[in-house]
C-alpha atoms as a PDB file:
ATOM      1  CA  MET A   1      -0.033   0.328   0.106  1.00  0.00           C
ATOM      2  CA  THR A   2       1.552   3.237  -1.139  1.00  0.00           C
ATOM      3  CA  ASP A   3       2.036   5.870   1.970  1.00  0.00           C
ATOM      4  CA  LYS A   4      -0.141   8.893   0.791  1.00  0.00           C
ATOM      5  CA  ARG A   5       1.119  11.107   3.796  1.00  0.00           C
ATOM      6  CA  LEU A   6       2.446  14.779   2.661  1.00  0.00           C
ATOM      7  CA  HIS A   7       5.371  14.596   5.832  1.00  0.00           C
ATOM      8  CA  ARG A   8       7.333  11.773   6.213  1.00  0.00           C
ATOM      9  CA  ILE A   9       8.208  11.293   9.630  1.00  0.00           C
ATOM     10  CA  PRO A  10      11.331   8.431  10.305  1.00  0.00           C
ATOM     11  CA  ASP A  11       9.755   6.129  12.773  1.00  0.00           C
ATOM     12  CA  LYS A  12      13.390   6.264  15.067  1.00  0.00           C
ATOM     13  CA  VAL A  13      15.359   9.188  15.674  1.00  0.00           C
ATOM     14  CA  GLU A  14      18.035   8.145  18.571  1.00  0.00           C
ATOM     15  CA  PHE A  15      18.913  10.545  21.401  1.00  0.00           C
ATOM     16  CA  ASN A  16      22.166  11.102  22.034  1.00  0.00           C
ATOM     17  CA  ASP A  17      22.642  14.657  23.425  1.00  0.00           C
ATOM     18  CA  LYS A  18      21.693  16.437  27.316  1.00  0.00           C
ATOM     19  CA  HIS A  19      21.446  20.117  28.958  1.00  0.00           C
ATOM     20  CA  SER A  20      21.374  21.091  32.211  1.00  0.00           C
ATOM     21  CA  ASN A  21      18.236  22.981  33.215  1.00  0.00           C
ATOM     22  CA  ASP A  22      19.417  26.620  34.260  1.00  0.00           C
ATOM     23  CA  PHE A  23      18.247  27.964  31.112  1.00  0.00           C
ATOM     24  CA  ARG A  24      15.237  29.014  33.084  1.00  0.00           C
ATOM     25  CA  GLY A  25      16.510  31.454  35.113  1.00  0.00           C
ATOM     26  CA  ASP A  26      17.000  31.420  39.052  1.00  0.00           C
ATOM     27  CA  VAL A  27      13.235  30.994  39.460  1.00  0.00           C
ATOM     28  CA  ARG A  28      12.003  27.114  39.179  1.00  0.00           C
ATOM     29  CA  GLU A  29       8.766  25.694  37.640  1.00  0.00           C
ATOM     30  CA  HIS A  30       8.505  22.759  39.744  1.00  0.00           C
ATOM     31  CA  GLY A  31       8.476  19.473  37.855  1.00  0.00           C
ATOM     32  CA  PHE A  32       9.691  21.067  34.505  1.00  0.00           C
ATOM     33  CA  HIS A  33      13.040  20.059  33.133  1.00  0.00           C
ATOM     34  CA  PHE A  34      14.345  20.499  29.768  1.00  0.00           C
ATOM     35  CA  CYS A  35      16.611  17.080  29.117  1.00  0.00           C
ATOM     36  CA  GLY A  36      18.152  17.968  25.769  1.00  0.00           C
ATOM     37  CA  TYR A  37      17.499  17.603  21.965  1.00  0.00           C
ATOM     38  CA  ASP A  38      18.538  15.624  19.324  1.00  0.00           C
ATOM     39  CA  TRP A  39      19.647  15.586  15.430  1.00  0.00           C
ATOM     40  CA  ASP A  40      20.283  13.208  13.356  1.00  0.00           C
ATOM     41  CA  GLU A  41      22.375  13.860  10.370  1.00  0.00           C
ATOM     42  CA  LYS A  42      21.416  11.503   8.061  1.00  0.00           C
ATOM     43  CA  GLU A  43      17.791  12.053   8.315  1.00  0.00           C
ATOM     44  CA  GLU A  44      17.837  15.658   9.177  1.00  0.00           C
ATOM     45  CA  GLN A  45      15.658  15.153  11.658  1.00  0.00           C
ATOM     46  CA  PHE A  46      15.497  17.535  14.837  1.00  0.00           C
ATOM     47  CA  LYS A  47      13.952  16.632  18.248  1.00  0.00           C
ATOM     48  CA  VAL A  48      13.130  18.211  21.832  1.00  0.00           C
ATOM     49  CA  TYR A  49      13.180  16.450  25.003  1.00  0.00           C
ATOM     50  CA  LEU A  50      10.970  18.067  28.284  1.00  0.00           C
ATOM     51  CA  HIS A  51      10.105  16.115  31.400  1.00  0.00           C
ATOM     52  CA  TYR A  52       6.974  17.417  33.197  1.00  0.00           C
ATOM     53  CA  ASP A  53       5.709  14.761  35.254  1.00  0.00           C
ATOM     54  CA  GLN A  54       7.050  12.340  32.408  1.00  0.00           C
ATOM     55  CA  LEU A  55       9.560  12.571  29.644  1.00  0.00           C
ATOM     56  CA  TYR A  56       8.295  13.394  26.129  1.00  0.00           C
ATOM     57  CA  TYR A  57       9.328  14.970  23.153  1.00  0.00           C
ATOM     58  CA  TRP A  58       7.869  16.779  20.105  1.00  0.00           C
ATOM     59  CA  LYS A  59       9.682  16.161  16.574  1.00  0.00           C
ATOM     60  CA  TYR A  60      10.298  19.037  13.991  1.00  0.00           C
ATOM     61  CA  ALA A  61       9.900  16.569  11.379  1.00  0.00           C
ATOM     62  CA  GLU A  62       9.884  18.489   7.894  1.00  0.00           C
ATOM     63  CA  LEU A  63      10.633  21.831   9.737  1.00  0.00           C
ATOM     64  CA  SER A  64      13.880  20.227  11.395  1.00  0.00           C
ATOM     65  CA  LYS A  65      15.878  22.705   9.540  1.00  0.00           C
ATOM     66  CA  MET A  66      14.591  25.698  11.806  1.00  0.00           C
ATOM     67  CA  GLY A  67      15.143  24.042  15.037  1.00  0.00           C
ATOM     68  CA  LYS A  68      18.828  23.047  13.521  1.00  0.00           C
ATOM     69  CA  GLY A  69      19.268  26.350  12.537  1.00  0.00           C
ATOM     70  CA  LEU A  70      18.207  28.295  16.157  1.00  0.00           C
ATOM     71  CA  LEU A  71      21.324  26.280  17.834  1.00  0.00           C
ATOM     72  CA  ASP A  72      23.719  27.469  15.056  1.00  0.00           C
ATOM     73  CA  LYS A  73      22.270  30.889  15.202  1.00  0.00           C
ATOM     74  CA  GLU A  74      20.362  30.833  11.609  1.00  0.00           C
ATOM     75  CA  LEU A  75      17.083  31.641  10.972  1.00  0.00           C
ATOM     76  CA  TRP A  76      15.644  29.402   8.080  1.00  0.00           C
ATOM     77  CA  GLY A  77      12.399  30.154   6.820  1.00  0.00           C
ATOM     78  CA  THR A  78      10.245  28.862   3.496  1.00  0.00           C
ATOM     79  CA  GLN A  79       9.428  30.522   0.407  1.00  0.00           C
ATOM     80  CA  CYS A  80       7.389  29.458  -2.371  1.00  0.00           C
ATOM     81  CA  PRO A  81       8.537  28.933  -5.467  1.00  0.00           C
ATOM     82  CA  LYS A  82       5.395  29.871  -7.302  1.00  0.00           C
ATOM     83  CA  CYS A  83       4.376  33.073  -5.636  1.00  0.00           C
ATOM     84  CA  GLY A  84       7.400  34.299  -3.601  1.00  0.00           C
ATOM     85  CA  ASP A  85       5.516  34.353  -0.753  1.00  0.00           C
ATOM     86  CA  LYS A  86       7.954  33.553   2.479  1.00  0.00           C
ATOM     87  CA  PHE A  87       7.385  31.949   6.028  1.00  0.00           C
ATOM     88  CA  PHE A  88       8.944  31.900   9.433  1.00  0.00           C
ATOM     89  CA  PRO A  89       7.450  30.223  11.237  1.00  0.00           C
ATOM     90  CA  PRO A  90       8.400  27.916   8.278  1.00  0.00           C
ATOM     91  CA  ARG A  91       5.324  26.248   6.453  1.00  0.00           C
ATOM     92  CA  VAL A  92       5.818  23.134   4.330  1.00  0.00           C
ATOM     93  CA  ASN A  93       3.320  24.110   1.921  1.00  0.00           C
ATOM     94  CA  CYS A  94       2.324  27.707   0.547  1.00  0.00           C
ATOM     95  CA  TRP A  95      -0.822  28.703   1.728  1.00  0.00           C
ATOM     96  CA  ASN A  96      -1.675  30.822  -1.340  1.00  0.00           C
ATOM     97  CA  LEU A  97      -4.716  29.664  -2.191  1.00  0.00           C
ATOM     98  CA  ASP A  98      -3.782  30.036  -6.002  1.00  0.00           C
ATOM     99  CA  CYS A  99      -0.679  27.989  -5.498  1.00  0.00           C
ATOM    100  CA  ASN A 100      -2.420  24.605  -4.761  1.00  0.00           C
ATOM    101  CA  LEU A 101      -0.558  23.733  -1.704  1.00  0.00           C
ATOM    102  CA  GLU A 102       3.067  24.165  -3.321  1.00  0.00           C
ATOM    103  CA  LYS A 103       5.987  22.711  -1.490  1.00  0.00           C
ATOM    104  CA  ALA A 104       7.911  25.373  -0.147  1.00  0.00           C
ATOM    105  CA  GLU A 105      11.811  25.975   0.034  1.00  0.00           C
ATOM    106  CA  TRP A 106      14.007  26.784   2.399  1.00  0.00           C
ATOM    107  CA  ILE A 107      15.486  30.385   2.240  1.00  0.00           C
ATOM    108  CA  LYS A 108      17.714  31.916   4.844  1.00  0.00           C
ATOM    109  CA  LEU A 109      16.565  34.738   6.454  1.00  0.00           C
ATOM    110  CA  LYS A 110      18.186  37.984   7.575  1.00  0.00           C
ATOM    111  CA  PRO A 111      17.834  38.599  11.367  1.00  0.00           C
ATOM    112  CA  GLU A 112      15.564  41.613  11.393  1.00  0.00           C
ATOM    113  CA  GLY A 113      12.038  42.658  11.412  1.00  0.00           C
ATOM    114  CA  TYR A 114       9.015  44.815  12.544  1.00  0.00           C
ATOM    115  CA  VAL A 115       6.789  44.968  15.301  1.00  0.00           C
ATOM    116  CA  HIS A 116       2.976  43.776  13.958  1.00  0.00           C
ATOM    117  CA  THR A 117       1.276  43.925  17.539  1.00  0.00           C
ATOM    118  CA  PHE A 118       2.449  43.996  21.052  1.00  0.00           C
ATOM    119  CA  THR A 119       1.219  42.897  24.423  1.00  0.00           C
ATOM    120  CA  ILE A 120       3.043  44.053  28.038  1.00  0.00           C
ATOM    121  CA  ALA A 121       2.767  40.933  30.170  1.00  0.00           C
ATOM    122  CA  GLY A 122       1.542  41.895  33.938  1.00  0.00           C
ATOM    123  CA  TRP A 123       1.836  38.223  34.885  1.00  0.00           C
ATOM    124  CA  SER A 124       3.549  35.168  34.015  1.00  0.00           C
ATOM    125  CA  GLY A 125       4.635  31.481  35.312  1.00  0.00           C
ATOM    126  CA  LYS A 126       7.172  31.149  37.892  1.00  0.00           C
ATOM    127  CA  SER A 127       9.931  31.092  35.691  1.00  0.00           C
ATOM    128  CA  SER A 128       9.724  34.768  34.325  1.00  0.00           C
ATOM    129  CA  LEU A 129       8.159  36.195  37.689  1.00  0.00           C
ATOM    130  CA  LYS A 130      11.090  38.390  38.292  1.00  0.00           C
ATOM    131  CA  ARG A 131      11.282  39.659  34.829  1.00  0.00           C
ATOM    132  CA  LEU A 132       7.881  41.448  35.162  1.00  0.00           C
ATOM    133  CA  PRO A 133       6.466  43.284  33.477  1.00  0.00           C
ATOM    134  CA  PHE A 134       7.743  42.563  29.669  1.00  0.00           C
ATOM    135  CA  VAL A 135       6.976  42.736  26.399  1.00  0.00           C
ATOM    136  CA  LEU A 136       5.783  40.022  24.226  1.00  0.00           C
ATOM    137  CA  ALA A 137       5.664  41.190  20.244  1.00  0.00           C
ATOM    138  CA  TYR A 138       4.341  39.580  17.081  1.00  0.00           C
ATOM    139  CA  VAL A 139       7.358  40.345  14.753  1.00  0.00           C
ATOM    140  CA  VAL A 140       7.178  39.873  11.012  1.00  0.00           C
ATOM    141  CA  VAL A 141      11.012  38.703  10.226  1.00  0.00           C
ATOM    142  CA  ASP A 142      12.497  39.717   6.769  1.00  0.00           C
ATOM    143  CA  GLY A 143       9.456  40.691   4.925  1.00  0.00           C
ATOM    144  CA  CYS A 144       7.379  37.275   5.478  1.00  0.00           C
ATOM    145  CA  LYS A 145       3.563  36.477   5.418  1.00  0.00           C
ATOM    146  CA  THR A 146       3.879  35.363   8.708  1.00  0.00           C
ATOM    147  CA  ALA A 147       4.642  36.322  12.212  1.00  0.00           C
ATOM    148  CA  VAL A 148       6.598  35.189  15.208  1.00  0.00           C
ATOM    149  CA  ALA A 149       5.726  35.758  18.833  1.00  0.00           C
ATOM    150  CA  ASN A 150       8.378  36.088  20.980  1.00  0.00           C
ATOM    151  CA  GLU A 151      10.440  38.568  23.452  1.00  0.00           C
ATOM    152  CA  LEU A 152      11.142  42.632  23.114  1.00  0.00           C
ATOM    153  CA  ARG A 153      13.607  43.242  25.200  1.00  0.00           C
ATOM    154  CA  GLY A 154      16.121  46.092  25.455  1.00  0.00           C
ATOM    155  CA  ILE A 155      12.998  48.665  25.858  1.00  0.00           C
ATOM    156  CA  ASP A 156      10.919  50.421  28.538  1.00  0.00           C
ATOM    157  CA  PRO A 157       7.523  48.550  28.485  1.00  0.00           C
ATOM    158  CA  TRP A 158       5.426  52.031  27.570  1.00  0.00           C
ATOM    159  CA  ASP A 159       7.852  52.395  24.810  1.00  0.00           C
ATOM    160  CA  ALA A 160       6.841  49.728  22.392  1.00  0.00           C
ATOM    161  CA  GLU A 161       5.452  50.923  19.019  1.00  0.00           C
ATOM    162  CA  PHE A 162       3.924  49.239  16.078  1.00  0.00           C
ATOM    163  CA  GLY A 163       5.848  48.793  13.155  1.00  0.00           C
ATOM    164  CA  MET A 164       9.041  49.999  15.233  1.00  0.00           C
ATOM    165  CA  PRO A 165      12.242  48.122  13.588  1.00  0.00           C
ATOM    166  CA  VAL A 166      14.104  45.113  15.790  1.00  0.00           C
ATOM    167  CA  LYS A 167      16.657  42.585  15.298  1.00  0.00           C
ATOM    168  CA  VAL A 168      17.208  39.335  16.439  1.00  0.00           C
ATOM    169  CA  VAL A 169      19.567  38.675  19.274  1.00  0.00           C
ATOM    170  CA  TRP A 170      20.755  35.256  20.097  1.00  0.00           C
ATOM    171  CA  ALA A 171      21.087  33.515  23.404  1.00  0.00           C
ATOM    172  CA  PRO A 172      24.958  32.901  24.438  1.00  0.00           C
ATOM    173  CA  ASP A 173      26.333  29.674  22.852  1.00  0.00           C
ATOM    174  CA  GLY A 174      25.762  26.682  24.907  1.00  0.00           C
ATOM    175  CA  ASP A 175      22.370  27.972  26.152  1.00  0.00           C
ATOM    176  CA  ARG A 176      20.507  27.518  22.392  1.00  0.00           C
ATOM    177  CA  ARG A 177      18.142  24.323  22.590  1.00  0.00           C
ATOM    178  CA  GLY A 178      16.611  24.621  18.995  1.00  0.00           C
ATOM    179  CA  THR A 179      13.261  26.197  20.665  1.00  0.00           C
ATOM    180  CA  ILE A 180      11.848  29.965  20.760  1.00  0.00           C
ATOM    181  CA  THR A 181      14.091  30.622  23.844  1.00  0.00           C
ATOM    182  CA  ASP A 182      17.155  30.480  21.711  1.00  0.00           C
ATOM    183  CA  PHE A 183      16.641  34.128  20.852  1.00  0.00           C
ATOM    184  CA  TRP A 184      14.465  37.661  21.065  1.00  0.00           C
ATOM    185  CA  PHE A 185      14.021  40.634  19.880  1.00  0.00           C
ATOM    186  CA  GLU A 186      15.655  44.012  21.191  1.00  0.00           C
ATOM    187  CA  PRO A 187      15.029  47.766  18.851  1.00  0.00           C
ATOM    188  CA  ALA A 188      17.216  48.003  15.542  1.00  0.00           C
ATOM    189  CA  ASP A 189      20.426  49.855  16.069  1.00  0.00           C
ATOM    190  CA  GLY A 190      19.462  53.607  16.520  1.00  0.00           C
ATOM    191  CA  TRP A 191      15.873  53.403  16.719  1.00  0.00           C
ATOM    192  CA  LYS A 192      14.527  55.319  19.486  1.00  0.00           C
ATOM    193  CA  PRO A 193      11.077  55.631  20.761  1.00  0.00           C
ATOM    194  CA  GLY A 194       8.847  58.112  19.880  1.00  0.00           C
ATOM    195  CA  PRO A 195       7.382  61.357  22.461  1.00  0.00           C
ATOM    196  CA  MET A 196       5.309  60.380  25.584  1.00  0.00           C
ATOM    197  CA  THR A 197       1.865  60.341  24.852  1.00  0.00           C
ATOM    198  CA  PRO A 198      -1.247  60.004  26.893  1.00  0.00           C
ATOM    199  CA  GLU A 199      -1.433  55.962  26.458  1.00  0.00           C
ATOM    200  CA  LYS A 200       2.175  55.798  27.194  1.00  0.00           C
ATOM    201  CA  GLU A 201       1.689  57.196  30.160  1.00  0.00           C
ATOM    202  CA  ARG A 202      -1.489  55.247  31.110  1.00  0.00           C
ATOM    203  CA  MET A 203       0.864  51.972  30.208  1.00  0.00           C
ATOM    204  CA  LYS A 204       3.868  53.321  32.545  1.00  0.00           C
ATOM    205  CA  GLU A 205       0.914  53.918  35.426  1.00  0.00           C
ATOM    206  CA  LEU A 206      -0.426  50.185  34.590  1.00  0.00           C
ATOM    207  CA  CYS A 207       3.196  49.190  34.554  1.00  0.00           C
ATOM    208  CA  LYS A 208       3.930  50.857  38.521  1.00  0.00           C
ATOM    209  CA  PRO A 209       2.274  48.537  40.480  1.00  0.00           C
ATOM    210  CA  VAL A 210       3.750  45.459  38.608  1.00  0.00           C
ATOM    211  CA  TYR A 211       7.372  46.761  39.274  1.00  0.00           C
ATOM    212  CA  GLU A 212       6.636  47.582  43.061  1.00  0.00           C
ATOM    213  CA  TRP A 213       5.495  43.838  43.522  1.00  0.00           C
ATOM    214  CA  VAL A 214       8.018  42.171  41.600  1.00  0.00           C
ATOM    215  CA  ALA A 215      10.366  43.985  43.948  1.00  0.00           C
ATOM    216  CA  THR A 216       9.183  42.017  46.818  1.00  0.00           C
ATOM    217  CA  LEU A 217       9.772  38.826  45.360  1.00  0.00           C
ATOM    218  CA  LYS A 218      12.610  36.832  47.025  1.00  0.00           C
END
């Protein structure tokens, strides 16, 4: 019987690497452990292992090049050879209805983009409480048709702006895991926030009690 699946996933990829749990900082989330990643050179398959009460993992499958790229400080997206649309996070097939699921091709993306939308986080899991408040942004990378969510650092939360240019900043060597936490965004070189506005003043006031509460944490 012919296998009609669009996406071939090998039945077995061996686990061969482990890492410590210190990537989550000095505030621990009980029961959660990052166990490691796995890269099968022959099959070009990438897997990430986690432990949350029990061991589990996920396969990147046909998107494995993205996971391996994060380890190597490379952003890999996909591009439709028919219409030219680019995607990050990558898509295996083009989502343009006129392209009839055309198979996309891998391309290396520039580590830059702009903020599509954002929110200021006033609450989080235990692993990020001491960093509150922080900005979570959806960023369009290198002209892609999709946006990726990640932290926007190096900025006062109330100074974040729609459309602001940003750059990718990588976690140090040895701290990258092949996951979204391997990088974050910061304002592009030369960017300066706009003037204080009534809306920014309102956001600053909303952030004030969060800063005060975080200062009481041990």
